[in-house]
Amino acid sequence: MDVKIQSLKFDASKQLIEFVEKKMSRLERFADNATGVDVVLRLEKDDEKGNKVALVTLHIPGGDILTEQRARTFEEAVDEALDVVKRQIEKRKDK
């Protein structure tokens, strides 16, 4: 599966990029027909939930799955986004 990572308003460290790639590769177990995933990491003005945002778009036949999660760290935001995408995949399989 093709994983594309983009960082806005900051330069992502190699460690963060490897973390995101590792997490997103796990999606193949849940969506074996996925063609790719786009991850956009961006910094926003500080608010109560956190200023780190992870926008994840999973490309699968029948329509993309999109989620945006905020947290205090990018790792937390990516983990939360991954959980949401997994739940969306399960909902589609149940239909």
PDB file of N, CA and C in Angstrom:
ATOM      1  N   MET A   1       0.844  -1.180   0.000  1.00  0.00           N
ATOM      2  CA  MET A   1       0.000   0.000   0.000  1.00  0.00           C
ATOM      3  C   MET A   1       0.887   1.240   0.000  1.00  0.00           C
ATOM      4  N   ASP A   2       0.484   2.212  -0.772  1.00  0.00           N
ATOM      5  CA  ASP A   2       1.246   3.447  -0.924  1.00  0.00           C
ATOM      6  C   ASP A   2       0.893   4.412   0.205  1.00  0.00           C
ATOM      7  N   VAL A   3       1.892   4.831   0.988  1.00  0.00           N
ATOM      8  CA  VAL A   3       1.687   5.777   2.088  1.00  0.00           C
ATOM      9  C   VAL A   3       2.369   7.092   1.727  1.00  0.00           C
ATOM     10  N   LYS A   4       1.576   8.169   1.663  1.00  0.00           N
ATOM     11  CA  LYS A   4       2.122   9.493   1.374  1.00  0.00           C
ATOM     12  C   LYS A   4       1.973  10.349   2.624  1.00  0.00           C
ATOM     13  N   ILE A   5       3.070  10.958   3.049  1.00  0.00           N
ATOM     14  CA  ILE A   5       3.064  11.780   4.256  1.00  0.00           C
ATOM     15  C   ILE A   5       3.467  13.197   3.871  1.00  0.00           C
ATOM     16  N   GLN A   6       2.691  14.147   4.357  1.00  0.00           N
ATOM     17  CA  GLN A   6       2.964  15.553   4.085  1.00  0.00           C
ATOM     18  C   GLN A   6       2.908  16.298   5.413  1.00  0.00           C
ATOM     19  N   SER A   7       3.877  17.175   5.651  1.00  0.00           N
ATOM     20  CA  SER A   7       3.877  17.978   6.874  1.00  0.00           C
ATOM     21  C   SER A   7       3.735  19.447   6.496  1.00  0.00           C
ATOM     22  N   LEU A   8       2.791  20.116   7.141  1.00  0.00           N
ATOM     23  CA  LEU A   8       2.532  21.523   6.867  1.00  0.00           C
ATOM     24  C   LEU A   8       2.974  22.370   8.050  1.00  0.00           C
ATOM     25  N   LYS A   9       3.627  23.468   7.759  1.00  0.00           N
ATOM     26  CA  LYS A   9       4.064  24.448   8.752  1.00  0.00           C
ATOM     27  C   LYS A   9       5.177  23.947   9.676  1.00  0.00           C
ATOM     28  N   PHE A  10       5.797  22.812   9.350  1.00  0.00           N
ATOM     29  CA  PHE A  10       6.945  22.309  10.103  1.00  0.00           C
ATOM     30  C   PHE A  10       7.621  21.216   9.271  1.00  0.00           C
ATOM     31  N   ASP A  11       8.841  20.863   9.666  1.00  0.00           N
ATOM     32  CA  ASP A  11       9.559  19.763   9.025  1.00  0.00           C
ATOM     33  C   ASP A  11       9.467  18.536   9.916  1.00  0.00           C
ATOM     34  N   ALA A  12       8.864  17.474   9.397  1.00  0.00           N
ATOM     35  CA  ALA A  12       8.700  16.242  10.173  1.00  0.00           C
ATOM     36  C   ALA A  12      10.051  15.542  10.328  1.00  0.00           C
ATOM     37  N   SER A  13      10.299  15.051  11.522  1.00  0.00           N
ATOM     38  CA  SER A  13      11.540  14.314  11.771  1.00  0.00           C
ATOM     39  C   SER A  13      11.457  12.935  11.115  1.00  0.00           C
ATOM     40  N   LYS A  14      12.604  12.344  10.888  1.00  0.00           N
ATOM     41  CA  LYS A  14      12.661  11.001  10.304  1.00  0.00           C
ATOM     42  C   LYS A  14      11.949  10.007  11.217  1.00  0.00           C
ATOM     43  N   GLN A  15      12.105  10.187  12.514  1.00  0.00           N
ATOM     44  CA  GLN A  15      11.471   9.307  13.498  1.00  0.00           C
ATOM     45  C   GLN A  15       9.942   9.386  13.397  1.00  0.00           C
ATOM     46  N   LEU A  16       9.401  10.585  13.249  1.00  0.00           N
ATOM     47  CA  LEU A  16       7.954  10.759  13.121  1.00  0.00           C
ATOM     48  C   LEU A  16       7.445  10.137  11.825  1.00  0.00           C
ATOM     49  N   ILE A  17       8.176  10.321  10.739  1.00  0.00           N
ATOM     50  CA  ILE A  17       7.775   9.737   9.452  1.00  0.00           C
ATOM     51  C   ILE A  17       7.763   8.213   9.534  1.00  0.00           C
ATOM     52  N   GLU A  18       8.774   7.631  10.155  1.00  0.00           N
ATOM     53  CA  GLU A  18       8.829   6.172  10.313  1.00  0.00           C
ATOM     54  C   GLU A  18       7.677   5.676  11.183  1.00  0.00           C
ATOM     55  N   PHE A  19       7.344   6.427  12.235  1.00  0.00           N
ATOM     56  CA  PHE A  19       6.234   6.067  13.115  1.00  0.00           C
ATOM     57  C   PHE A  19       4.929   6.023  12.319  1.00  0.00           C
ATOM     58  N   VAL A  20       4.679   7.066  11.528  1.00  0.00           N
ATOM     59  CA  VAL A  20       3.439   7.148  10.750  1.00  0.00           C
ATOM     60  C   VAL A  20       3.381   6.015   9.722  1.00  0.00           C
ATOM     61  N   GLU A  21       4.489   5.756   9.024  1.00  0.00           N
ATOM     62  CA  GLU A  21       4.510   4.678   8.030  1.00  0.00           C
ATOM     63  C   GLU A  21       4.217   3.327   8.675  1.00  0.00           C
ATOM     64  N   LYS A  22       4.802   3.084   9.839  1.00  0.00           N
ATOM     65  CA  LYS A  22       4.582   1.821  10.544  1.00  0.00           C
ATOM     66  C   LYS A  22       3.109   1.668  10.934  1.00  0.00           C
ATOM     67  N   LYS A  23       2.529   2.733  11.467  1.00  0.00           N
ATOM     68  CA  LYS A  23       1.130   2.685  11.887  1.00  0.00           C
ATOM     69  C   LYS A  23       0.195   2.479  10.695  1.00  0.00           C
ATOM     70  N   MET A  24       0.436   3.201   9.621  1.00  0.00           N
ATOM     71  CA  MET A  24      -0.450   3.126   8.464  1.00  0.00           C
ATOM     72  C   MET A  24      -0.333   1.782   7.739  1.00  0.00           C
ATOM     73  N   SER A  25       0.827   1.150   7.822  1.00  0.00           N
ATOM     74  CA  SER A  25       0.979  -0.161   7.177  1.00  0.00           C
ATOM     75  C   SER A  25       0.088  -1.206   7.850  1.00  0.00           C
ATOM     76  N   ARG A  26      -0.296  -0.964   9.096  1.00  0.00           N
ATOM     77  CA  ARG A  26      -1.197  -1.888   9.799  1.00  0.00           C
ATOM     78  C   ARG A  26      -2.600  -1.895   9.207  1.00  0.00           C
ATOM     79  N   LEU A  27      -2.958  -0.842   8.502  1.00  0.00           N
ATOM     80  CA  LEU A  27      -4.293  -0.767   7.907  1.00  0.00           C
ATOM     81  C   LEU A  27      -4.517  -1.841   6.852  1.00  0.00           C
ATOM     82  N   GLU A  28      -3.431  -2.349   6.274  1.00  0.00           N
ATOM     83  CA  GLU A  28      -3.567  -3.388   5.244  1.00  0.00           C
ATOM     84  C   GLU A  28      -4.259  -4.629   5.796  1.00  0.00           C
ATOM     85  N   ARG A  29      -4.106  -4.889   7.087  1.00  0.00           N
ATOM     86  CA  ARG A  29      -4.759  -6.047   7.698  1.00  0.00           C
ATOM     87  C   ARG A  29      -6.273  -5.887   7.717  1.00  0.00           C
ATOM     88  N   PHE A  30      -6.736  -4.649   7.829  1.00  0.00           N
ATOM     89  CA  PHE A  30      -8.174  -4.393   7.944  1.00  0.00           C
ATOM     90  C   PHE A  30      -8.816  -4.118   6.592  1.00  0.00           C
ATOM     91  N   ALA A  31      -8.087  -3.462   5.706  1.00  0.00           N
ATOM     92  CA  ALA A  31      -8.604  -3.131   4.380  1.00  0.00           C
ATOM     93  C   ALA A  31      -7.633  -3.659   3.336  1.00  0.00           C
ATOM     94  N   ASP A  32      -7.794  -4.922   2.978  1.00  0.00           N
ATOM     95  CA  ASP A  32      -6.861  -5.544   2.043  1.00  0.00           C
ATOM     96  C   ASP A  32      -7.010  -4.997   0.622  1.00  0.00           C
ATOM     97  N   ASN A  33      -8.121  -4.297   0.342  1.00  0.00           N
ATOM     98  CA  ASN A  33      -8.325  -3.731  -0.984  1.00  0.00           C
ATOM     99  C   ASN A  33      -7.929  -2.258  -1.057  1.00  0.00           C
ATOM    100  N   ALA A  34      -7.302  -1.735  -0.019  1.00  0.00           N
ATOM    101  CA  ALA A  34      -6.895  -0.323   0.007  1.00  0.00           C
ATOM    102  C   ALA A  34      -5.797  -0.074  -1.028  1.00  0.00           C
ATOM    103  N   THR A  35      -5.919   1.058  -1.716  1.00  0.00           N
ATOM    104  CA  THR A  35      -4.923   1.388  -2.734  1.00  0.00           C
ATOM    105  C   THR A  35      -3.851   2.321  -2.198  1.00  0.00           C
ATOM    106  N   GLY A  36      -4.157   3.054  -1.136  1.00  0.00           N
ATOM    107  CA  GLY A  36      -3.163   3.964  -0.574  1.00  0.00           C
ATOM    108  C   GLY A  36      -3.743   4.766   0.574  1.00  0.00           C
ATOM    109  N   VAL A  37      -2.860   5.468   1.248  1.00  0.00           N
ATOM    110  CA  VAL A  37      -3.283   6.326   2.355  1.00  0.00           C
ATOM    111  C   VAL A  37      -2.465   7.610   2.308  1.00  0.00           C
ATOM    112  N   ASP A  38      -3.157   8.730   2.498  1.00  0.00           N
ATOM    113  CA  ASP A  38      -2.500  10.037   2.571  1.00  0.00           C
ATOM    114  C   ASP A  38      -2.589  10.531   4.002  1.00  0.00           C
ATOM    115  N   VAL A  39      -1.468  10.992   4.542  1.00  0.00           N
ATOM    116  CA  VAL A  39      -1.430  11.528   5.899  1.00  0.00           C
ATOM    117  C   VAL A  39      -0.890  12.953   5.826  1.00  0.00           C
ATOM    118  N   VAL A  40      -1.659  13.895   6.345  1.00  0.00           N
ATOM    119  CA  VAL A  40      -1.222  15.281   6.400  1.00  0.00           C
ATOM    120  C   VAL A  40      -1.080  15.649   7.880  1.00  0.00           C
ATOM    121  N   LEU A  41       0.125  16.030   8.260  1.00  0.00           N
ATOM    122  CA  LEU A  41       0.398  16.464   9.631  1.00  0.00           C
ATOM    123  C   LEU A  41       0.569  17.973   9.604  1.00  0.00           C
ATOM    124  N   ARG A  42      -0.124  18.664  10.504  1.00  0.00           N
ATOM    125  CA  ARG A  42       0.023  20.109  10.512  1.00  0.00           C
ATOM    126  C   ARG A  42      -0.069  20.673  11.922  1.00  0.00           C
ATOM    127  N   LEU A  43       0.574  21.812  12.084  1.00  0.00           N
ATOM    128  CA  LEU A  43       0.528  22.555  13.336  1.00  0.00           C
ATOM    129  C   LEU A  43      -0.531  23.636  13.212  1.00  0.00           C
ATOM    130  N   GLU A  44      -1.291  23.839  14.277  1.00  0.00           N
ATOM    131  CA  GLU A  44      -2.263  24.919  14.306  1.00  0.00           C
ATOM    132  C   GLU A  44      -2.026  25.764  15.538  1.00  0.00           C
ATOM    133  N   LYS A  45      -2.715  26.876  15.595  1.00  0.00           N
ATOM    134  CA  LYS A  45      -2.600  27.705  16.779  1.00  0.00           C
ATOM    135  C   LYS A  45      -3.072  26.899  17.976  1.00  0.00           C
ATOM    136  N   ASP A  46      -2.388  27.073  19.092  1.00  0.00           N
ATOM    137  CA  ASP A  46      -2.658  26.258  20.276  1.00  0.00           C
ATOM    138  C   ASP A  46      -4.091  26.434  20.749  1.00  0.00           C
ATOM    139  N   ASP A  47      -4.730  25.319  21.037  1.00  0.00           N
ATOM    140  CA  ASP A  47      -6.054  25.338  21.648  1.00  0.00           C
ATOM    141  C   ASP A  47      -6.098  24.279  22.726  1.00  0.00           C
ATOM    142  N   GLU A  48      -7.233  24.113  23.375  1.00  0.00           N
ATOM    143  CA  GLU A  48      -7.306  23.207  24.523  1.00  0.00           C
ATOM    144  C   GLU A  48      -7.035  21.750  24.169  1.00  0.00           C
ATOM    145  N   LYS A  49      -7.473  21.308  22.996  1.00  0.00           N
ATOM    146  CA  LYS A  49      -7.290  19.911  22.610  1.00  0.00           C
ATOM    147  C   LYS A  49      -5.870  19.599  22.163  1.00  0.00           C
ATOM    148  N   GLY A  50      -5.118  20.608  21.803  1.00  0.00           N
ATOM    149  CA  GLY A  50      -3.773  20.398  21.280  1.00  0.00           C
ATOM    150  C   GLY A  50      -3.635  21.056  19.924  1.00  0.00           C
ATOM    151  N   ASN A  51      -2.412  21.306  19.538  1.00  0.00           N
ATOM    152  CA  ASN A  51      -2.194  22.005  18.269  1.00  0.00           C
ATOM    153  C   ASN A  51      -1.628  21.102  17.184  1.00  0.00           C
ATOM    154  N   LYS A  52      -1.544  19.808  17.416  1.00  0.00           N
ATOM    155  CA  LYS A  52      -1.054  18.858  16.425  1.00  0.00           C
ATOM    156  C   LYS A  52      -2.260  18.193  15.762  1.00  0.00           C
ATOM    157  N   VAL A  53      -2.311  18.239  14.440  1.00  0.00           N
ATOM    158  CA  VAL A  53      -3.451  17.698  13.707  1.00  0.00           C
ATOM    159  C   VAL A  53      -2.962  16.651  12.720  1.00  0.00           C
ATOM    160  N   ALA A  54      -3.655  15.504  12.696  1.00  0.00           N
ATOM    161  CA  ALA A  54      -3.378  14.446  11.728  1.00  0.00           C
ATOM    162  C   ALA A  54      -4.629  14.247  10.879  1.00  0.00           C
ATOM    163  N   LEU A  55      -4.488  14.452   9.585  1.00  0.00           N
ATOM    164  CA  LEU A  55      -5.580  14.247   8.639  1.00  0.00           C
ATOM    165  C   LEU A  55      -5.233  13.003   7.827  1.00  0.00           C
ATOM    166  N   VAL A  56      -6.049  11.958   7.951  1.00  0.00           N
ATOM    167  CA  VAL A  56      -5.773  10.673   7.305  1.00  0.00           C
ATOM    168  C   VAL A  56      -6.868  10.382   6.285  1.00  0.00           C
ATOM    169  N   THR A  57      -6.457  10.068   5.053  1.00  0.00           N
ATOM    170  CA  THR A  57      -7.385   9.693   3.990  1.00  0.00           C
ATOM    171  C   THR A  57      -6.975   8.315   3.476  1.00  0.00           C
ATOM    172  N   LEU A  58      -7.853   7.336   3.680  1.00  0.00           N
ATOM    173  CA  LEU A  58      -7.615   5.974   3.196  1.00  0.00           C
ATOM    174  C   LEU A  58      -8.380   5.799   1.894  1.00  0.00           C
ATOM    175  N   HIS A  59      -7.657   5.439   0.842  1.00  0.00           N
ATOM    176  CA  HIS A  59      -8.273   5.257  -0.475  1.00  0.00           C
ATOM    177  C   HIS A  59      -8.654   3.792  -0.661  1.00  0.00           C
ATOM    178  N   ILE A  60      -9.959   3.547  -0.731  1.00  0.00           N
ATOM    179  CA  ILE A  60     -10.448   2.188  -0.970  1.00  0.00           C
ATOM    180  C   ILE A  60     -11.576   2.260  -1.997  1.00  0.00           C
ATOM    181  N   PRO A  61     -11.779   1.173  -2.734  1.00  0.00           N
ATOM    182  CA  PRO A  61     -12.883   1.156  -3.698  1.00  0.00           C
ATOM    183  C   PRO A  61     -14.211   1.392  -2.982  1.00  0.00           C
ATOM    184  N   GLY A  62     -15.063   2.185  -3.592  1.00  0.00           N
ATOM    185  CA  GLY A  62     -16.352   2.487  -2.980  1.00  0.00           C
ATOM    186  C   GLY A  62     -16.355   3.802  -2.224  1.00  0.00           C
ATOM    187  N   GLY A  63     -15.218   4.461  -2.130  1.00  0.00           N
ATOM    188  CA  GLY A  63     -15.148   5.758  -1.467  1.00  0.00           C
ATOM    189  C   GLY A  63     -14.057   5.818  -0.425  1.00  0.00           C
ATOM    190  N   ASP A  64     -13.466   6.985  -0.305  1.00  0.00           N
ATOM    191  CA  ASP A  64     -12.378   7.183   0.654  1.00  0.00           C
ATOM    192  C   ASP A  64     -12.916   7.313   2.075  1.00  0.00           C
ATOM    193  N   ILE A  65     -12.078   6.957   3.030  1.00  0.00           N
ATOM    194  CA  ILE A  65     -12.375   7.166   4.445  1.00  0.00           C
ATOM    195  C   ILE A  65     -11.465   8.289   4.917  1.00  0.00           C
ATOM    196  N   LEU A  66     -12.063   9.308   5.517  1.00  0.00           N
ATOM    197  CA  LEU A  66     -11.328  10.509   5.903  1.00  0.00           C
ATOM    198  C   LEU A  66     -11.573  10.806   7.374  1.00  0.00           C
ATOM    199  N   THR A  67     -10.509  11.143   8.104  1.00  0.00           N
ATOM    200  CA  THR A  67     -10.656  11.570   9.488  1.00  0.00           C
ATOM    201  C   THR A  67      -9.600  12.608   9.822  1.00  0.00           C
ATOM    202  N   GLU A  68      -9.945  13.487  10.734  1.00  0.00           N
ATOM    203  CA  GLU A  68      -9.018  14.510  11.219  1.00  0.00           C
ATOM    204  C   GLU A  68      -9.041  14.470  12.738  1.00  0.00           C
ATOM    205  N   GLN A  69      -7.872  14.297  13.340  1.00  0.00           N
ATOM    206  CA  GLN A  69      -7.778  14.191  14.790  1.00  0.00           C
ATOM    207  C   GLN A  69      -6.772  15.196  15.337  1.00  0.00           C
ATOM    208  N   ARG A  70      -7.074  15.760  16.499  1.00  0.00           N
ATOM    209  CA  ARG A  70      -6.190  16.706  17.180  1.00  0.00           C
ATOM    210  C   ARG A  70      -5.693  16.093  18.475  1.00  0.00           C
ATOM    211  N   ALA A  71      -4.453  16.427  18.824  1.00  0.00           N
ATOM    212  CA  ALA A  71      -3.883  15.949  20.082  1.00  0.00           C
ATOM    213  C   ALA A  71      -2.700  16.835  20.452  1.00  0.00           C
ATOM    214  N   ARG A  72      -2.109  16.557  21.591  1.00  0.00           N
ATOM    215  CA  ARG A  72      -0.951  17.327  22.043  1.00  0.00           C
ATOM    216  C   ARG A  72       0.338  16.877  21.352  1.00  0.00           C
ATOM    217  N   THR A  73       0.349  15.631  20.839  1.00  0.00           N
ATOM    218  CA  THR A  73       1.499  15.147  20.072  1.00  0.00           C
ATOM    219  C   THR A  73       1.000  14.544  18.759  1.00  0.00           C
ATOM    220  N   PHE A  74       1.867  14.512  17.770  1.00  0.00           N
ATOM    221  CA  PHE A  74       1.492  13.910  16.494  1.00  0.00           C
ATOM    222  C   PHE A  74       1.243  12.415  16.643  1.00  0.00           C
ATOM    223  N   GLU A  75       2.008  11.762  17.511  1.00  0.00           N
ATOM    224  CA  GLU A  75       1.834  10.324  17.705  1.00  0.00           C
ATOM    225  C   GLU A  75       0.431  10.013  18.219  1.00  0.00           C
ATOM    226  N   GLU A  76      -0.035  10.802  19.198  1.00  0.00           N
ATOM    227  CA  GLU A  76      -1.388  10.600  19.723  1.00  0.00           C
ATOM    228  C   GLU A  76      -2.426  10.842  18.631  1.00  0.00           C
ATOM    229  N   ALA A  77      -2.259  11.898  17.870  1.00  0.00           N
ATOM    230  CA  ALA A  77      -3.215  12.225  16.811  1.00  0.00           C
ATOM    231  C   ALA A  77      -3.271  11.115  15.761  1.00  0.00           C
ATOM    232  N   VAL A  78      -2.115  10.566  15.397  1.00  0.00           N
ATOM    233  CA  VAL A  78      -2.078   9.482  14.407  1.00  0.00           C
ATOM    234  C   VAL A  78      -2.733   8.230  14.974  1.00  0.00           C
ATOM    235  N   ASP A  79      -2.462   7.903  16.241  1.00  0.00           N
ATOM    236  CA  ASP A  79      -3.093   6.736  16.868  1.00  0.00           C
ATOM    237  C   ASP A  79      -4.614   6.872  16.893  1.00  0.00           C
ATOM    238  N   GLU A  80      -5.102   8.052  17.272  1.00  0.00           N
ATOM    239  CA  GLU A  80      -6.547   8.280  17.316  1.00  0.00           C
ATOM    240  C   GLU A  80      -7.152   8.181  15.916  1.00  0.00           C
ATOM    241  N   ALA A  81      -6.483   8.747  14.928  1.00  0.00           N
ATOM    242  CA  ALA A  81      -6.971   8.686  13.553  1.00  0.00           C
ATOM    243  C   ALA A  81      -7.015   7.237  13.055  1.00  0.00           C
ATOM    244  N   LEU A  82      -6.014   6.470  13.407  1.00  0.00           N
ATOM    245  CA  LEU A  82      -5.966   5.064  13.014  1.00  0.00           C
ATOM    246  C   LEU A  82      -7.151   4.303  13.602  1.00  0.00           C
ATOM    247  N   ASP A  83      -7.474   4.562  14.866  1.00  0.00           N
ATOM    248  CA  ASP A  83      -8.617   3.908  15.509  1.00  0.00           C
ATOM    249  C   ASP A  83      -9.926   4.265  14.802  1.00  0.00           C
ATOM    250  N   VAL A  84     -10.081   5.533  14.444  1.00  0.00           N
ATOM    251  CA  VAL A  84     -11.302   5.975  13.756  1.00  0.00           C
ATOM    252  C   VAL A  84     -11.419   5.298  12.392  1.00  0.00           C
ATOM    253  N   VAL A  85     -10.322   5.232  11.656  1.00  0.00           N
ATOM    254  CA  VAL A  85     -10.343   4.600  10.334  1.00  0.00           C
ATOM    255  C   VAL A  85     -10.686   3.115  10.464  1.00  0.00           C
ATOM    256  N   LYS A  86     -10.120   2.446  11.455  1.00  0.00           N
ATOM    257  CA  LYS A  86     -10.440   1.026  11.664  1.00  0.00           C
ATOM    258  C   LYS A  86     -11.933   0.839  11.912  1.00  0.00           C
ATOM    259  N   ARG A  87     -12.524   1.697  12.752  1.00  0.00           N
ATOM    260  CA  ARG A  87     -13.964   1.597  13.033  1.00  0.00           C
ATOM    261  C   ARG A  87     -14.785   1.834  11.765  1.00  0.00           C
ATOM    262  N   GLN A  88     -14.365   2.795  10.937  1.00  0.00           N
ATOM    263  CA  GLN A  88     -15.077   3.060   9.691  1.00  0.00           C
ATOM    264  C   GLN A  88     -15.006   1.864   8.739  1.00  0.00           C
ATOM    265  N   ILE A  89     -13.845   1.211   8.687  1.00  0.00           N
ATOM    266  CA  ILE A  89     -13.689   0.017   7.848  1.00  0.00           C
ATOM    267  C   ILE A  89     -14.636  -1.069   8.322  1.00  0.00           C
ATOM    268  N   GLU A  90     -14.688  -1.282   9.638  1.00  0.00           N
ATOM    269  CA  GLU A  90     -15.582  -2.303  10.196  1.00  0.00           C
ATOM    270  C   GLU A  90     -17.038  -1.986   9.879  1.00  0.00           C
ATOM    271  N   LYS A  91     -17.431  -0.725   9.959  1.00  0.00           N
ATOM    272  CA  LYS A  91     -18.810  -0.342   9.632  1.00  0.00           C
ATOM    273  C   LYS A  91     -19.134  -0.663   8.188  1.00  0.00           C
ATOM    274  N   ARG A  92     -18.200  -0.399   7.294  1.00  0.00           N
ATOM    275  CA  ARG A  92     -18.435  -0.689   5.865  1.00  0.00           C
ATOM    276  C   ARG A  92     -18.546  -2.185   5.613  1.00  0.00           C
ATOM    277  N   LYS A  93     -17.747  -2.966   6.328  1.00  0.00           N
ATOM    278  CA  LYS A  93     -17.796  -4.419   6.137  1.00  0.00           C
ATOM    279  C   LYS A  93     -19.113  -4.988   6.643  1.00  0.00           C
ATOM    280  N   ASP A  94     -19.680  -4.365   7.678  1.00  0.00           N
ATOM    281  CA  ASP A  94     -20.951  -4.844   8.236  1.00  0.00           C
ATOM    282  C   ASP A  94     -22.140  -4.574   7.326  1.00  0.00           C
ATOM    283  N   LYS A  95     -22.015  -3.571   6.441  1.00  0.00           N
ATOM    284  CA  LYS A  95     -23.142  -3.206   5.563  1.00  0.00           C
ATOM    285  C   LYS A  95     -23.365  -4.225   4.470  1.00  0.00           C
TER     286      LYS A  95
END
